[in-house]
């Protein structure tokens, strides 16, 4: 089998390429940039801007399966400040990739959607009711990122009906793990908190900033479970959107304390103004268990234990050595609060 992974230079894409190669796939990876932290495992890797139609035709040539992971996205700070850019770029990427896959004769197409498609009116409480797949409608995503994802979900359904392209849709719920963005504004909450706790540990300043009151809740899924779920979904006969994430709810304050415990330090949390997204969000995994006879198994504690050391190492690499003049450690490349 020959597979295309778009977004192969990114966090989830690079992990997926490794898994497909281990299963014996011939893999083409495509992205606008090279993988940042680990060399690609793809048989071939092409630098292509998938906002351009001709590049999507080139990327999808001669493949059996397409895993559409390419996206302009980031953490809450980035998503909340770049609505037009995100919707424009992602719509172009996905419209072109889907049609190019059809024209080039791909047999199966997996679109990676997001829990951001769920209505804001169902996510206004900390103790949120877990979101079922059918809760997507009546539609009211909070931001442009969610609206674009929901639109492409619909388009995948129409391509399946009208063009007989066998589509799959996975709705991600906060995927995290090593070898992903951890600074610069595009990182997600687990990576941002790991970075902040690592800075606190390495500099001796216990202050960790959290946007809002920190009581907003989410569920977080470790990358290995995400990849396993994608592979099971692609091999299944299920064509409707499916949640892919953990169903354990935790507040951002408690997540920060979990990371600090993993690092072996005590932190002083300071709540500051900043975008927080919805008040609460959790995944209902009932259908996931029914359809795939499986659900994510790696606990949040284990996932953080695997992720934190890698991010601490990254942070340490950005620190100067102790200087005789001040006796203090300084950051070479301080990151903005996220």
C-alpha atoms as a PDB file:
ATOM      1  CA  UNK A   1       0.000   0.000   0.000  1.00  0.00           C
ATOM      2  CA  UNK A   2       1.131   3.520  -0.784  1.00  0.00           C
ATOM      3  CA  UNK A   3       0.047   6.322   1.567  1.00  0.00           C
ATOM      4  CA  UNK A   4       0.256  10.094   1.551  1.00  0.00           C
ATOM      5  CA  UNK A   5       0.505  11.964   4.861  1.00  0.00           C
ATOM      6  CA  UNK A   6      -0.039  15.715   4.550  1.00  0.00           C
ATOM      7  CA  UNK A   7       1.298  17.754   7.427  1.00  0.00           C
ATOM      8  CA  UNK A   8       4.057  15.146   7.736  1.00  0.00           C
ATOM      9  CA  UNK A   9       6.452  17.744   9.115  1.00  0.00           C
ATOM     10  CA  UNK A  10       4.184  18.386  12.072  1.00  0.00           C
ATOM     11  CA  UNK A  11       3.663  16.697  15.404  1.00  0.00           C
ATOM     12  CA  UNK A  12       0.946  14.132  14.661  1.00  0.00           C
ATOM     13  CA  UNK A  13       2.002  13.697  11.046  1.00  0.00           C
ATOM     14  CA  UNK A  14       5.588  12.738  11.876  1.00  0.00           C
ATOM     15  CA  UNK A  15       4.402  10.134  14.381  1.00  0.00           C
ATOM     16  CA  UNK A  16       1.895   8.736  11.864  1.00  0.00           C
ATOM     17  CA  UNK A  17       4.584   8.402   9.192  1.00  0.00           C
ATOM     18  CA  UNK A  18       6.679   6.306  11.579  1.00  0.00           C
ATOM     19  CA  UNK A  19       3.730   4.016  12.296  1.00  0.00           C
ATOM     20  CA  UNK A  20       2.831   3.524   8.635  1.00  0.00           C
ATOM     21  CA  UNK A  21       6.440   2.733   7.727  1.00  0.00           C
ATOM     22  CA  UNK A  22       6.595   0.205  10.569  1.00  0.00           C
ATOM     23  CA  UNK A  23       3.521  -1.477   9.081  1.00  0.00           C
ATOM     24  CA  UNK A  24       5.202  -1.766   5.696  1.00  0.00           C
ATOM     25  CA  UNK A  25       3.557   1.127   3.879  1.00  0.00           C
ATOM     26  CA  UNK A  26       5.370   3.065   1.179  1.00  0.00           C
ATOM     27  CA  UNK A  27       4.893   6.590   2.562  1.00  0.00           C
ATOM     28  CA  UNK A  28       5.073   9.984   0.915  1.00  0.00           C
ATOM     29  CA  UNK A  29       5.218  12.847   3.385  1.00  0.00           C
ATOM     30  CA  UNK A  30       4.286  16.372   2.347  1.00  0.00           C
ATOM     31  CA  UNK A  31       4.487  19.609   4.285  1.00  0.00           C
ATOM     32  CA  UNK A  32       5.420  23.253   3.908  1.00  0.00           C
ATOM     33  CA  UNK A  33       8.381  22.618   6.222  1.00  0.00           C
ATOM     34  CA  UNK A  34      10.723  19.838   7.268  1.00  0.00           C
ATOM     35  CA  UNK A  35      10.085  18.008  10.567  1.00  0.00           C
ATOM     36  CA  UNK A  36      11.554  20.175  13.310  1.00  0.00           C
ATOM     37  CA  UNK A  37      12.605  17.677  15.951  1.00  0.00           C
ATOM     38  CA  UNK A  38      13.134  14.236  14.364  1.00  0.00           C
ATOM     39  CA  UNK A  39      14.116  13.212  10.830  1.00  0.00           C
ATOM     40  CA  UNK A  40      11.206  12.055   8.707  1.00  0.00           C
ATOM     41  CA  UNK A  41      10.697   8.317   8.341  1.00  0.00           C
ATOM     42  CA  UNK A  42       8.914   8.793   5.003  1.00  0.00           C
ATOM     43  CA  UNK A  43      10.207   7.024   1.907  1.00  0.00           C
ATOM     44  CA  UNK A  44       9.966  10.390   0.184  1.00  0.00           C
ATOM     45  CA  UNK A  45       9.338  13.842   1.620  1.00  0.00           C
ATOM     46  CA  UNK A  46       8.270  16.806  -0.489  1.00  0.00           C
ATOM     47  CA  UNK A  47       8.126  20.451   0.497  1.00  0.00           C
ATOM     48  CA  UNK A  48       4.830  21.631  -1.005  1.00  0.00           C
ATOM     49  CA  UNK A  49       2.408  24.444  -0.195  1.00  0.00           C
ATOM     50  CA  UNK A  50      -0.940  22.658  -0.319  1.00  0.00           C
ATOM     51  CA  UNK A  51      -2.862  25.891  -0.625  1.00  0.00           C
ATOM     52  CA  UNK A  52      -1.938  25.630  -4.317  1.00  0.00           C
ATOM     53  CA  UNK A  53      -3.968  23.279  -6.514  1.00  0.00           C
ATOM     54  CA  UNK A  54      -1.071  22.048  -8.636  1.00  0.00           C
ATOM     55  CA  UNK A  55       0.853  21.035  -5.493  1.00  0.00           C
ATOM     56  CA  UNK A  56      -2.090  18.967  -4.251  1.00  0.00           C
ATOM     57  CA  UNK A  57      -2.238  17.165  -7.603  1.00  0.00           C
ATOM     58  CA  UNK A  58       1.451  16.413  -7.289  1.00  0.00           C
ATOM     59  CA  UNK A  59       1.168  15.282  -3.664  1.00  0.00           C
ATOM     60  CA  UNK A  60      -1.697  12.824  -4.280  1.00  0.00           C
ATOM     61  CA  UNK A  61      -0.299  11.161  -7.391  1.00  0.00           C
ATOM     62  CA  UNK A  62      -0.129   7.377  -7.279  1.00  0.00           C
ATOM     63  CA  UNK A  63      -1.301   6.816  -3.672  1.00  0.00           C
ATOM     64  CA  UNK A  64      -3.926   4.451  -2.284  1.00  0.00           C
ATOM     65  CA  UNK A  65      -4.650   6.207   1.003  1.00  0.00           C
ATOM     66  CA  UNK A  66      -4.540   9.865   2.006  1.00  0.00           C
ATOM     67  CA  UNK A  67      -4.161  11.019   5.614  1.00  0.00           C
ATOM     68  CA  UNK A  68      -5.049  14.712   5.561  1.00  0.00           C
ATOM     69  CA  UNK A  69      -3.347  16.271   8.588  1.00  0.00           C
ATOM     70  CA  UNK A  70      -2.030  19.508   7.065  1.00  0.00           C
ATOM     71  CA  UNK A  71      -3.455  22.593   8.787  1.00  0.00           C
ATOM     72  CA  UNK A  72      -2.692  26.139   9.849  1.00  0.00           C
ATOM     73  CA  UNK A  73      -3.360  25.872  13.565  1.00  0.00           C
ATOM     74  CA  UNK A  74      -1.951  26.388  17.032  1.00  0.00           C
ATOM     75  CA  UNK A  75      -2.845  26.972  20.648  1.00  0.00           C
ATOM     76  CA  UNK A  76      -5.728  29.084  21.925  1.00  0.00           C
ATOM     77  CA  UNK A  77      -3.746  32.304  21.613  1.00  0.00           C
ATOM     78  CA  UNK A  78      -3.076  31.720  17.922  1.00  0.00           C
ATOM     79  CA  UNK A  79      -6.537  30.382  17.038  1.00  0.00           C
ATOM     80  CA  UNK A  80      -8.332  33.276  18.727  1.00  0.00           C
ATOM     81  CA  UNK A  81      -6.251  35.939  16.940  1.00  0.00           C
ATOM     82  CA  UNK A  82      -6.095  34.617  13.348  1.00  0.00           C
ATOM     83  CA  UNK A  83      -9.626  33.731  12.266  1.00  0.00           C
ATOM     84  CA  UNK A  84      -9.449  34.894   8.637  1.00  0.00           C
ATOM     85  CA  UNK A  85      -5.987  33.464   8.047  1.00  0.00           C
ATOM     86  CA  UNK A  86      -6.856  30.076   9.542  1.00  0.00           C
ATOM     87  CA  UNK A  87     -10.144  29.673   7.670  1.00  0.00           C
ATOM     88  CA  UNK A  88      -8.650  30.842   4.358  1.00  0.00           C
ATOM     89  CA  UNK A  89      -5.538  28.668   4.505  1.00  0.00           C
ATOM     90  CA  UNK A  90      -7.205  25.516   5.795  1.00  0.00           C
ATOM     91  CA  UNK A  91     -10.123  25.740   3.368  1.00  0.00           C
ATOM     92  CA  UNK A  92      -7.714  25.960   0.433  1.00  0.00           C
ATOM     93  CA  UNK A  93      -5.607  23.062   1.721  1.00  0.00           C
ATOM     94  CA  UNK A  94      -8.530  20.727   2.294  1.00  0.00           C
ATOM     95  CA  UNK A  95     -10.627  21.628  -0.753  1.00  0.00           C
ATOM     96  CA  UNK A  96      -7.671  21.070  -3.048  1.00  0.00           C
ATOM     97  CA  UNK A  97      -6.397  17.918  -1.325  1.00  0.00           C
ATOM     98  CA  UNK A  98      -9.796  16.218  -1.341  1.00  0.00           C
ATOM     99  CA  UNK A  99     -10.478  16.926  -5.021  1.00  0.00           C
ATOM    100  CA  UNK A 100      -6.923  16.031  -6.060  1.00  0.00           C
ATOM    101  CA  UNK A 101      -7.201  12.710  -4.213  1.00  0.00           C
ATOM    102  CA  UNK A 102     -10.401  11.981  -6.117  1.00  0.00           C
ATOM    103  CA  UNK A 103      -8.931  12.907  -9.486  1.00  0.00           C
ATOM    104  CA  UNK A 104      -5.803  10.844  -8.870  1.00  0.00           C
ATOM    105  CA  UNK A 105      -7.778   7.740  -7.893  1.00  0.00           C
ATOM    106  CA  UNK A 106      -7.075   7.398  -4.173  1.00  0.00           C
ATOM    107  CA  UNK A 107      -9.257   4.704  -2.618  1.00  0.00           C
ATOM    108  CA  UNK A 108      -9.554   6.050   0.942  1.00  0.00           C
ATOM    109  CA  UNK A 109      -9.243   9.525   2.470  1.00  0.00           C
ATOM    110  CA  UNK A 110      -8.950  10.288   6.203  1.00  0.00           C
ATOM    111  CA  UNK A 111      -9.699  13.843   7.305  1.00  0.00           C
ATOM    112  CA  UNK A 112      -8.504  14.918  10.742  1.00  0.00           C
ATOM    113  CA  UNK A 113     -11.140  17.169  12.256  1.00  0.00           C
ATOM    114  CA  UNK A 114     -11.298  18.630  15.749  1.00  0.00           C
ATOM    115  CA  UNK A 115     -13.434  18.863  18.864  1.00  0.00           C
ATOM    116  CA  UNK A 116     -13.507  22.583  18.050  1.00  0.00           C
ATOM    117  CA  UNK A 117     -16.457  21.812  15.748  1.00  0.00           C
ATOM    118  CA  UNK A 118     -18.770  21.310  18.729  1.00  0.00           C
ATOM    119  CA  UNK A 119     -21.269  24.074  19.615  1.00  0.00           C
ATOM    120  CA  UNK A 120     -20.166  26.711  22.060  1.00  0.00           C
ATOM    121  CA  UNK A 121     -23.568  26.548  23.793  1.00  0.00           C
ATOM    122  CA  UNK A 122     -22.789  22.985  24.980  1.00  0.00           C
ATOM    123  CA  UNK A 123     -19.434  23.962  26.531  1.00  0.00           C
ATOM    124  CA  UNK A 124     -20.254  26.743  28.958  1.00  0.00           C
ATOM    125  CA  UNK A 125     -19.720  24.835  32.203  1.00  0.00           C
ATOM    126  CA  UNK A 126     -16.633  23.427  33.914  1.00  0.00           C
ATOM    127  CA  UNK A 127     -18.436  20.143  34.627  1.00  0.00           C
ATOM    128  CA  UNK A 128     -19.373  19.800  30.972  1.00  0.00           C
ATOM    129  CA  UNK A 129     -21.440  16.894  29.663  1.00  0.00           C
ATOM    130  CA  UNK A 130     -19.188  14.781  27.381  1.00  0.00           C
ATOM    131  CA  UNK A 131     -19.775  15.605  23.738  1.00  0.00           C
ATOM    132  CA  UNK A 132     -21.368  12.990  21.478  1.00  0.00           C
ATOM    133  CA  UNK A 133     -20.791  12.970  17.746  1.00  0.00           C
ATOM    134  CA  UNK A 134     -24.416  13.950  17.055  1.00  0.00           C
ATOM    135  CA  UNK A 135     -24.034  17.044  19.268  1.00  0.00           C
ATOM    136  CA  UNK A 136     -22.325  18.841  16.370  1.00  0.00           C
ATOM    137  CA  UNK A 137     -25.709  20.150  15.207  1.00  0.00           C
ATOM    138  CA  UNK A 138     -27.321  22.690  15.428  1.00  0.00           C
ATOM    139  CA  UNK A 139     -23.883  24.059  14.629  1.00  0.00           C
ATOM    140  CA  UNK A 140     -22.177  26.869  16.516  1.00  0.00           C
ATOM    141  CA  UNK A 141     -18.405  26.356  16.724  1.00  0.00           C
ATOM    142  CA  UNK A 142     -16.627  29.009  18.775  1.00  0.00           C
ATOM    143  CA  UNK A 143     -14.103  30.065  16.144  1.00  0.00           C
ATOM    144  CA  UNK A 144     -13.132  29.981  12.478  1.00  0.00           C
ATOM    145  CA  UNK A 145     -10.936  26.930  12.982  1.00  0.00           C
ATOM    146  CA  UNK A 146     -13.959  24.903  14.100  1.00  0.00           C
ATOM    147  CA  UNK A 147     -16.233  26.203  11.332  1.00  0.00           C
ATOM    148  CA  UNK A 148     -13.749  25.222   8.622  1.00  0.00           C
ATOM    149  CA  UNK A 149     -13.308  21.753  10.097  1.00  0.00           C
ATOM    150  CA  UNK A 150     -17.075  21.229  10.223  1.00  0.00           C
ATOM    151  CA  UNK A 151     -17.450  22.356   6.606  1.00  0.00           C
ATOM    152  CA  UNK A 152     -14.828  19.883   5.395  1.00  0.00           C
ATOM    153  CA  UNK A 153     -16.480  17.097   7.404  1.00  0.00           C
ATOM    154  CA  UNK A 154     -19.636  17.785   5.397  1.00  0.00           C
ATOM    155  CA  UNK A 155     -17.690  17.883   2.155  1.00  0.00           C
ATOM    156  CA  UNK A 156     -16.131  14.492   2.904  1.00  0.00           C
ATOM    157  CA  UNK A 157     -19.625  13.064   3.272  1.00  0.00           C
ATOM    158  CA  UNK A 158     -20.691  14.481  -0.079  1.00  0.00           C
ATOM    159  CA  UNK A 159     -17.561  13.156  -1.800  1.00  0.00           C
ATOM    160  CA  UNK A 160     -18.369   9.741  -0.386  1.00  0.00           C
ATOM    161  CA  UNK A 161     -21.957   9.937  -1.669  1.00  0.00           C
ATOM    162  CA  UNK A 162     -21.341  11.611  -5.040  1.00  0.00           C
ATOM    163  CA  UNK A 163     -17.882  10.373  -6.025  1.00  0.00           C
ATOM    164  CA  UNK A 164     -17.581   7.073  -4.109  1.00  0.00           C
ATOM    165  CA  UNK A 165     -14.405   8.244  -2.386  1.00  0.00           C
ATOM    166  CA  UNK A 166     -14.226   6.216   0.833  1.00  0.00           C
ATOM    167  CA  UNK A 167     -13.788   8.907   3.514  1.00  0.00           C
ATOM    168  CA  UNK A 168     -13.085   8.760   7.248  1.00  0.00           C
ATOM    169  CA  UNK A 169     -13.315  11.617   9.780  1.00  0.00           C
ATOM    170  CA  UNK A 170     -11.571  11.696  13.182  1.00  0.00           C
ATOM    171  CA  UNK A 171     -12.423  14.449  15.660  1.00  0.00           C
ATOM    172  CA  UNK A 172      -9.294  15.026  17.754  1.00  0.00           C
ATOM    173  CA  UNK A 173      -9.563  15.999  21.423  1.00  0.00           C
ATOM    174  CA  UNK A 174      -6.312  17.717  22.490  1.00  0.00           C
ATOM    175  CA  UNK A 175      -3.507  15.417  21.358  1.00  0.00           C
ATOM    176  CA  UNK A 176      -0.152  15.823  23.133  1.00  0.00           C
ATOM    177  CA  UNK A 177       3.258  14.185  23.427  1.00  0.00           C
ATOM    178  CA  UNK A 178       6.965  14.631  22.669  1.00  0.00           C
ATOM    179  CA  UNK A 179       8.378  15.976  19.392  1.00  0.00           C
ATOM    180  CA  UNK A 180       5.715  18.652  19.065  1.00  0.00           C
ATOM    181  CA  UNK A 181       5.648  22.451  19.178  1.00  0.00           C
ATOM    182  CA  UNK A 182       6.391  23.618  22.715  1.00  0.00           C
ATOM    183  CA  UNK A 183       6.947  27.381  22.366  1.00  0.00           C
ATOM    184  CA  UNK A 184       6.192  30.358  20.141  1.00  0.00           C
ATOM    185  CA  UNK A 185       2.408  30.611  20.537  1.00  0.00           C
ATOM    186  CA  UNK A 186       1.265  27.599  18.494  1.00  0.00           C
ATOM    187  CA  UNK A 187       1.725  25.029  21.271  1.00  0.00           C
ATOM    188  CA  UNK A 188      -1.202  23.423  23.089  1.00  0.00           C
ATOM    189  CA  UNK A 189      -1.810  23.547  26.850  1.00  0.00           C
ATOM    190  CA  UNK A 190       0.184  20.430  27.911  1.00  0.00           C
ATOM    191  CA  UNK A 191       3.289  21.556  26.022  1.00  0.00           C
ATOM    192  CA  UNK A 192       2.938  25.148  27.236  1.00  0.00           C
ATOM    193  CA  UNK A 193       2.629  24.034  30.851  1.00  0.00           C
ATOM    194  CA  UNK A 194       5.550  21.616  30.516  1.00  0.00           C
ATOM    195  CA  UNK A 195       7.644  24.504  29.179  1.00  0.00           C
ATOM    196  CA  UNK A 196       6.613  26.879  31.949  1.00  0.00           C
ATOM    197  CA  UNK A 197       7.241  24.302  34.674  1.00  0.00           C
ATOM    198  CA  UNK A 198      10.623  23.413  33.157  1.00  0.00           C
ATOM    199  CA  UNK A 199      11.604  27.105  33.159  1.00  0.00           C
ATOM    200  CA  UNK A 200      10.489  27.357  36.790  1.00  0.00           C
ATOM    201  CA  UNK A 201      12.577  24.319  37.684  1.00  0.00           C
ATOM    202  CA  UNK A 202      15.704  25.327  35.799  1.00  0.00           C
ATOM    203  CA  UNK A 203      15.708  29.010  36.812  1.00  0.00           C
ATOM    204  CA  UNK A 204      14.565  28.551  40.400  1.00  0.00           C
ATOM    205  CA  UNK A 205      11.648  30.946  39.920  1.00  0.00           C
ATOM    206  CA  UNK A 206       8.501  28.968  40.845  1.00  0.00           C
ATOM    207  CA  UNK A 207       6.057  31.366  39.125  1.00  0.00           C
ATOM    208  CA  UNK A 208       3.885  29.778  36.432  1.00  0.00           C
ATOM    209  CA  UNK A 209       1.326  31.908  34.603  1.00  0.00           C
ATOM    210  CA  UNK A 210      -2.049  30.497  33.537  1.00  0.00           C
ATOM    211  CA  UNK A 211      -4.583  32.338  31.405  1.00  0.00           C
ATOM    212  CA  UNK A 212      -7.873  33.003  33.184  1.00  0.00           C
ATOM    213  CA  UNK A 213      -8.774  31.375  36.490  1.00  0.00           C
ATOM    214  CA  UNK A 214      -7.424  27.979  35.416  1.00  0.00           C
ATOM    215  CA  UNK A 215     -10.682  26.226  36.194  1.00  0.00           C
ATOM    216  CA  UNK A 216     -11.485  25.672  32.500  1.00  0.00           C
ATOM    217  CA  UNK A 217     -11.535  21.937  31.783  1.00  0.00           C
ATOM    218  CA  UNK A 218     -10.392  19.690  28.944  1.00  0.00           C
ATOM    219  CA  UNK A 219      -9.488  16.066  28.198  1.00  0.00           C
ATOM    220  CA  UNK A 220      -6.057  15.201  26.783  1.00  0.00           C
ATOM    221  CA  UNK A 221      -5.028  12.230  24.637  1.00  0.00           C
ATOM    222  CA  UNK A 222      -1.458  10.945  24.303  1.00  0.00           C
ATOM    223  CA  UNK A 223      -0.023  10.740  20.789  1.00  0.00           C
ATOM    224  CA  UNK A 224       0.457   6.941  20.710  1.00  0.00           C
ATOM    225  CA  UNK A 225      -3.247   6.423  21.402  1.00  0.00           C
ATOM    226  CA  UNK A 226      -4.103   8.967  18.723  1.00  0.00           C
ATOM    227  CA  UNK A 227      -2.065   7.105  16.098  1.00  0.00           C
ATOM    228  CA  UNK A 228      -3.539   3.758  17.122  1.00  0.00           C
ATOM    229  CA  UNK A 229      -7.031   5.202  16.821  1.00  0.00           C
ATOM    230  CA  UNK A 230      -6.322   6.621  13.367  1.00  0.00           C
ATOM    231  CA  UNK A 231      -5.104   3.285  12.085  1.00  0.00           C
ATOM    232  CA  UNK A 232      -8.082   1.419  13.524  1.00  0.00           C
ATOM    233  CA  UNK A 233     -10.505   3.949  12.049  1.00  0.00           C
ATOM    234  CA  UNK A 234      -8.873   3.759   8.628  1.00  0.00           C
ATOM    235  CA  UNK A 235      -9.183  -0.048   8.625  1.00  0.00           C
ATOM    236  CA  UNK A 236     -12.796   0.028   9.809  1.00  0.00           C
ATOM    237  CA  UNK A 237     -16.018   0.401   7.816  1.00  0.00           C
ATOM    238  CA  UNK A 238     -17.169   3.432   9.841  1.00  0.00           C
ATOM    239  CA  UNK A 239     -17.627   6.471   7.586  1.00  0.00           C
ATOM    240  CA  UNK A 240     -19.259   9.020   9.930  1.00  0.00           C
ATOM    241  CA  UNK A 241     -17.262  11.443  12.144  1.00  0.00           C
ATOM    242  CA  UNK A 242     -15.832   9.790  15.254  1.00  0.00           C
ATOM    243  CA  UNK A 243     -14.418  11.272  18.465  1.00  0.00           C
ATOM    244  CA  UNK A 244     -10.778  10.394  19.085  1.00  0.00           C
ATOM    245  CA  UNK A 245      -9.553  11.363  22.520  1.00  0.00           C
ATOM    246  CA  UNK A 246      -9.545  10.586  26.215  1.00  0.00           C
ATOM    247  CA  UNK A 247     -12.714  11.040  28.268  1.00  0.00           C
ATOM    248  CA  UNK A 248     -11.086  12.109  31.539  1.00  0.00           C
ATOM    249  CA  UNK A 249     -11.845  15.741  32.416  1.00  0.00           C
ATOM    250  CA  UNK A 250      -9.197  17.855  34.170  1.00  0.00           C
ATOM    251  CA  UNK A 251      -8.846  21.565  34.907  1.00  0.00           C
ATOM    252  CA  UNK A 252      -5.873  23.542  33.648  1.00  0.00           C
ATOM    253  CA  UNK A 253      -4.922  24.275  37.269  1.00  0.00           C
ATOM    254  CA  UNK A 254      -4.829  20.553  38.048  1.00  0.00           C
ATOM    255  CA  UNK A 255      -2.905  19.851  34.842  1.00  0.00           C
ATOM    256  CA  UNK A 256      -0.279  22.386  35.920  1.00  0.00           C
ATOM    257  CA  UNK A 257       0.041  20.671  39.303  1.00  0.00           C
ATOM    258  CA  UNK A 258       0.371  17.288  37.593  1.00  0.00           C
ATOM    259  CA  UNK A 259       3.203  18.597  35.430  1.00  0.00           C
ATOM    260  CA  UNK A 260       4.903  20.157  38.471  1.00  0.00           C
ATOM    261  CA  UNK A 261       4.635  16.847  40.341  1.00  0.00           C
ATOM    262  CA  UNK A 262       6.230  15.089  37.369  1.00  0.00           C
ATOM    263  CA  UNK A 263       9.050  17.655  37.409  1.00  0.00           C
ATOM    264  CA  UNK A 264       9.499  17.221  41.168  1.00  0.00           C
ATOM    265  CA  UNK A 265       8.912  20.877  42.090  1.00  0.00           C
ATOM    266  CA  UNK A 266       6.337  23.097  43.772  1.00  0.00           C
ATOM    267  CA  UNK A 267       5.000  25.951  41.648  1.00  0.00           C
ATOM    268  CA  UNK A 268       3.410  29.318  42.412  1.00  0.00           C
ATOM    269  CA  UNK A 269       0.511  29.701  39.956  1.00  0.00           C
ATOM    270  CA  UNK A 270      -0.326  33.227  38.830  1.00  0.00           C
ATOM    271  CA  UNK A 271      -3.562  33.748  36.913  1.00  0.00           C
ATOM    272  CA  UNK A 272      -3.336  36.371  34.178  1.00  0.00           C
ATOM    273  CA  UNK A 273      -5.698  37.669  31.461  1.00  0.00           C
ATOM    274  CA  UNK A 274      -5.701  35.696  28.221  1.00  0.00           C
ATOM    275  CA  UNK A 275      -7.909  33.718  25.820  1.00  0.00           C
ATOM    276  CA  UNK A 276      -9.358  30.594  27.419  1.00  0.00           C
ATOM    277  CA  UNK A 277     -11.596  29.049  24.768  1.00  0.00           C
ATOM    278  CA  UNK A 278     -14.743  27.281  25.924  1.00  0.00           C
ATOM    279  CA  UNK A 279     -15.307  26.740  29.641  1.00  0.00           C
ATOM    280  CA  UNK A 280     -15.281  22.963  29.446  1.00  0.00           C
ATOM    281  CA  UNK A 281     -14.868  20.249  26.823  1.00  0.00           C
ATOM    282  CA  UNK A 282     -14.794  16.466  27.088  1.00  0.00           C
ATOM    283  CA  UNK A 283     -15.173  13.521  24.730  1.00  0.00           C
ATOM    284  CA  UNK A 284     -17.986  10.981  24.889  1.00  0.00           C
ATOM    285  CA  UNK A 285     -16.247   7.769  23.795  1.00  0.00           C
ATOM    286  CA  UNK A 286     -19.327   5.553  23.670  1.00  0.00           C
ATOM    287  CA  UNK A 287     -19.342   5.321  19.892  1.00  0.00           C
ATOM    288  CA  UNK A 288     -15.559   4.987  19.719  1.00  0.00           C
ATOM    289  CA  UNK A 289     -15.765   1.874  21.885  1.00  0.00           C
ATOM    290  CA  UNK A 290     -18.664   0.481  19.880  1.00  0.00           C
ATOM    291  CA  UNK A 291     -17.156   1.087  16.432  1.00  0.00           C
ATOM    292  CA  UNK A 292     -13.508   0.216  17.036  1.00  0.00           C
ATOM    293  CA  UNK A 293     -13.843  -2.096  20.074  1.00  0.00           C
ATOM    294  CA  UNK A 294     -11.082   0.043  21.568  1.00  0.00           C
ATOM    295  CA  UNK A 295     -10.413   3.266  23.432  1.00  0.00           C
ATOM    296  CA  UNK A 296      -7.292   5.216  24.449  1.00  0.00           C
ATOM    297  CA  UNK A 297      -5.427   3.404  27.201  1.00  0.00           C
ATOM    298  CA  UNK A 298      -2.454   5.630  28.131  1.00  0.00           C
ATOM    299  CA  UNK A 299      -3.231   7.653  31.258  1.00  0.00           C
ATOM    300  CA  UNK A 300      -2.657  11.384  31.477  1.00  0.00           C
ATOM    301  CA  UNK A 301      -0.015  10.781  34.158  1.00  0.00           C
ATOM    302  CA  UNK A 302       1.902   8.379  31.938  1.00  0.00           C
ATOM    303  CA  UNK A 303       1.602  10.674  28.927  1.00  0.00           C
ATOM    304  CA  UNK A 304       2.957  13.656  30.876  1.00  0.00           C
ATOM    305  CA  UNK A 305       5.744  11.456  32.297  1.00  0.00           C
ATOM    306  CA  UNK A 306       6.804  10.685  28.705  1.00  0.00           C
ATOM    307  CA  UNK A 307       6.393  14.258  27.457  1.00  0.00           C
ATOM    308  CA  UNK A 308       7.807  16.444  30.219  1.00  0.00           C
ATOM    309  CA  UNK A 309      11.429  15.180  30.160  1.00  0.00           C
ATOM    310  CA  UNK A 310      11.680  15.882  26.434  1.00  0.00           C
ATOM    311  CA  UNK A 311      10.375  19.438  26.823  1.00  0.00           C
ATOM    312  CA  UNK A 312      12.629  20.066  29.826  1.00  0.00           C
ATOM    313  CA  UNK A 313      15.562  19.012  27.669  1.00  0.00           C
ATOM    314  CA  UNK A 314      14.432  21.462  24.969  1.00  0.00           C
ATOM    315  CA  UNK A 315      14.131  24.275  27.507  1.00  0.00           C
ATOM    316  CA  UNK A 316      17.540  23.479  28.999  1.00  0.00           C
ATOM    317  CA  UNK A 317      19.074  23.770  25.543  1.00  0.00           C
ATOM    318  CA  UNK A 318      17.862  27.395  25.375  1.00  0.00           C
ATOM    319  CA  UNK A 319      19.455  28.406  28.678  1.00  0.00           C
ATOM    320  CA  UNK A 320      22.811  30.043  29.102  1.00  0.00           C
ATOM    321  CA  UNK A 321      25.274  28.607  31.559  1.00  0.00           C
ATOM    322  CA  UNK A 322      25.509  30.176  34.973  1.00  0.00           C
ATOM    323  CA  UNK A 323      27.395  33.460  34.605  1.00  0.00           C
ATOM    324  CA  UNK A 324      30.015  34.589  37.157  1.00  0.00           C
ATOM    325  CA  UNK A 325      28.733  38.181  37.049  1.00  0.00           C
ATOM    326  CA  UNK A 326      25.170  37.462  38.162  1.00  0.00           C
ATOM    327  CA  UNK A 327      25.213  33.874  39.339  1.00  0.00           C
ATOM    328  CA  UNK A 328      21.849  33.474  37.642  1.00  0.00           C
ATOM    329  CA  UNK A 329      20.529  31.497  34.707  1.00  0.00           C
ATOM    330  CA  UNK A 330      18.998  33.516  31.858  1.00  0.00           C
ATOM    331  CA  UNK A 331      16.838  32.436  28.947  1.00  0.00           C
ATOM    332  CA  UNK A 332      18.406  32.710  25.509  1.00  0.00           C
ATOM    333  CA  UNK A 333      15.050  32.435  23.740  1.00  0.00           C
ATOM    334  CA  UNK A 334      12.199  33.299  26.090  1.00  0.00           C
ATOM    335  CA  UNK A 335       8.787  32.328  24.808  1.00  0.00           C
ATOM    336  CA  UNK A 336       5.601  34.389  25.100  1.00  0.00           C
ATOM    337  CA  UNK A 337       3.018  33.295  27.615  1.00  0.00           C
ATOM    338  CA  UNK A 338       0.511  30.866  26.164  1.00  0.00           C
END
